[in-house]
Amino acid sequence: MNGDNHVDEDDLWEFVGYWLEDDCGLDLNGNCLINLYEFAEFAKNWLDESDQ
């Protein structure tokens, strides 16, 4: 999320700032709501350091 290719606590704090917001920028499933769906995807990548 913050562009350093490492999903960590810095990204978590950014994610929390969008929690339950209707900001489509972080929306992954097209409902324009940041909720458990996006959190599950975030958690799946926790501590991942890949360049994807």
N, C-alpha and C. Protein backbone atom coordinates (compact mmCIF):
# COMPACT_ATOMS: atom_id res chain seq x y z
N MET A 1 0.80 -1.19 0.00
CA MET A 1 0.00 0.00 0.00
C MET A 1 0.85 1.26 0.00
N ASN A 2 1.95 1.23 0.75
CA ASN A 2 2.78 2.43 0.78
C ASN A 2 3.90 2.39 -0.26
N GLY A 3 3.92 1.34 -1.07
CA GLY A 3 4.84 1.28 -2.19
C GLY A 3 6.22 0.72 -1.92
N ASP A 4 6.45 0.16 -0.72
CA ASP A 4 7.78 -0.37 -0.43
C ASP A 4 7.90 -1.88 -0.69
N ASN A 5 6.87 -2.49 -1.30
CA ASN A 5 6.84 -3.92 -1.62
C ASN A 5 6.97 -4.81 -0.40
N HIS A 6 6.55 -4.33 0.75
CA HIS A 6 6.57 -5.12 1.98
C HIS A 6 5.29 -4.81 2.74
N VAL A 7 4.41 -5.80 2.86
CA VAL A 7 3.13 -5.60 3.56
C VAL A 7 3.38 -5.76 5.05
N ASP A 8 3.32 -4.65 5.78
CA ASP A 8 3.66 -4.65 7.19
C ASP A 8 2.78 -3.68 7.98
N GLU A 9 3.21 -3.36 9.21
CA GLU A 9 2.39 -2.52 10.07
C GLU A 9 2.18 -1.12 9.51
N ASP A 10 3.09 -0.60 8.73
CA ASP A 10 2.88 0.70 8.10
C ASP A 10 1.68 0.65 7.17
N ASP A 11 1.58 -0.43 6.41
CA ASP A 11 0.44 -0.61 5.51
C ASP A 11 -0.84 -0.83 6.30
N LEU A 12 -0.74 -1.55 7.40
CA LEU A 12 -1.92 -1.79 8.24
C LEU A 12 -2.50 -0.48 8.74
N TRP A 13 -1.66 0.43 9.19
CA TRP A 13 -2.16 1.73 9.67
C TRP A 13 -2.82 2.51 8.54
N GLU A 14 -2.28 2.43 7.35
CA GLU A 14 -2.91 3.09 6.21
C GLU A 14 -4.26 2.45 5.91
N PHE A 15 -4.30 1.12 5.94
CA PHE A 15 -5.55 0.39 5.69
C PHE A 15 -6.62 0.78 6.71
N VAL A 16 -6.24 0.82 7.99
CA VAL A 16 -7.18 1.15 9.06
C VAL A 16 -7.80 2.53 8.82
N GLY A 17 -7.04 3.43 8.26
CA GLY A 17 -7.56 4.76 7.96
C GLY A 17 -8.69 4.76 6.94
N TYR A 18 -8.76 3.71 6.13
CA TYR A 18 -9.81 3.59 5.12
C TYR A 18 -10.95 2.67 5.54
N TRP A 19 -10.85 2.04 6.70
CA TRP A 19 -11.82 1.03 7.14
C TRP A 19 -13.24 1.59 7.12
N LEU A 20 -14.14 0.87 6.45
CA LEU A 20 -15.56 1.19 6.29
C LEU A 20 -15.80 2.51 5.57
N GLU A 21 -14.80 3.03 4.90
CA GLU A 21 -14.98 4.23 4.08
C GLU A 21 -15.49 3.81 2.70
N ASP A 22 -16.08 4.73 2.01
CA ASP A 22 -16.56 4.45 0.66
C ASP A 22 -15.59 5.02 -0.38
N ASP A 23 -14.30 4.81 -0.12
CA ASP A 23 -13.24 5.25 -1.02
C ASP A 23 -12.89 4.10 -1.96
N CYS A 24 -13.22 4.25 -3.21
CA CYS A 24 -13.00 3.16 -4.17
C CYS A 24 -11.53 2.94 -4.49
N GLY A 25 -10.64 3.78 -4.00
CA GLY A 25 -9.22 3.62 -4.29
C GLY A 25 -8.63 2.33 -3.75
N LEU A 26 -9.08 1.87 -2.61
CA LEU A 26 -8.58 0.62 -2.04
C LEU A 26 -9.56 -0.53 -2.23
N ASP A 27 -10.68 -0.27 -2.83
CA ASP A 27 -11.71 -1.28 -3.03
C ASP A 27 -11.23 -2.36 -4.00
N LEU A 28 -11.41 -3.62 -3.63
CA LEU A 28 -10.96 -4.72 -4.48
C LEU A 28 -12.08 -5.48 -5.16
N ASN A 29 -13.31 -5.38 -4.64
CA ASN A 29 -14.40 -6.17 -5.22
C ASN A 29 -15.48 -5.33 -5.87
N GLY A 30 -15.25 -4.05 -6.04
CA GLY A 30 -16.16 -3.21 -6.81
C GLY A 30 -17.38 -2.68 -6.09
N ASN A 31 -17.45 -2.82 -4.76
CA ASN A 31 -18.62 -2.30 -4.05
C ASN A 31 -18.35 -0.94 -3.40
N CYS A 32 -17.16 -0.37 -3.65
CA CYS A 32 -16.76 0.94 -3.11
C CYS A 32 -16.88 1.02 -1.60
N LEU A 33 -16.58 -0.08 -0.91
CA LEU A 33 -16.57 -0.10 0.55
C LEU A 33 -15.36 -0.90 0.99
N ILE A 34 -14.59 -0.35 1.90
CA ILE A 34 -13.41 -1.03 2.42
C ILE A 34 -13.84 -1.81 3.66
N ASN A 35 -13.88 -3.15 3.55
CA ASN A 35 -14.42 -3.99 4.62
C ASN A 35 -13.65 -5.30 4.74
N LEU A 36 -14.29 -6.33 5.26
CA LEU A 36 -13.60 -7.60 5.51
C LEU A 36 -13.05 -8.26 4.25
N TYR A 37 -13.68 -8.04 3.12
CA TYR A 37 -13.15 -8.61 1.88
C TYR A 37 -11.74 -8.07 1.62
N GLU A 38 -11.59 -6.77 1.69
CA GLU A 38 -10.28 -6.17 1.47
C GLU A 38 -9.30 -6.55 2.57
N PHE A 39 -9.80 -6.65 3.81
CA PHE A 39 -8.93 -7.05 4.91
C PHE A 39 -8.41 -8.47 4.70
N ALA A 40 -9.25 -9.37 4.20
CA ALA A 40 -8.82 -10.74 3.94
C ALA A 40 -7.70 -10.76 2.89
N GLU A 41 -7.82 -9.96 1.86
CA GLU A 41 -6.77 -9.88 0.84
C GLU A 41 -5.49 -9.28 1.43
N PHE A 42 -5.66 -8.27 2.27
CA PHE A 42 -4.52 -7.66 2.95
C PHE A 42 -3.81 -8.70 3.82
N ALA A 43 -4.59 -9.44 4.61
CA ALA A 43 -4.02 -10.44 5.52
C ALA A 43 -3.31 -11.55 4.75
N LYS A 44 -3.85 -11.91 3.60
CA LYS A 44 -3.24 -12.96 2.79
C LYS A 44 -1.82 -12.57 2.35
N ASN A 45 -1.57 -11.28 2.24
CA ASN A 45 -0.27 -10.79 1.79
C ASN A 45 0.60 -10.27 2.93
N TRP A 46 0.17 -10.48 4.17
CA TRP A 46 0.89 -9.97 5.34
C TRP A 46 2.34 -10.44 5.33
N LEU A 47 3.25 -9.55 5.49
CA LEU A 47 4.70 -9.76 5.52
C LEU A 47 5.28 -10.28 4.21
N ASP A 48 4.51 -10.17 3.14
CA ASP A 48 5.00 -10.54 1.81
C ASP A 48 5.94 -9.44 1.33
N GLU A 49 7.05 -9.83 0.74
CA GLU A 49 8.02 -8.86 0.24
C GLU A 49 8.23 -9.00 -1.27
N SER A 50 7.25 -9.55 -1.96
CA SER A 50 7.41 -9.73 -3.40
C SER A 50 7.22 -8.41 -4.13
N ASP A 51 7.66 -8.37 -5.37
CA ASP A 51 7.56 -7.16 -6.19
C ASP A 51 6.28 -7.12 -7.00
N GLN A 52 5.30 -7.91 -6.65
CA GLN A 52 4.06 -7.95 -7.43
C GLN A 52 3.17 -6.80 -7.10
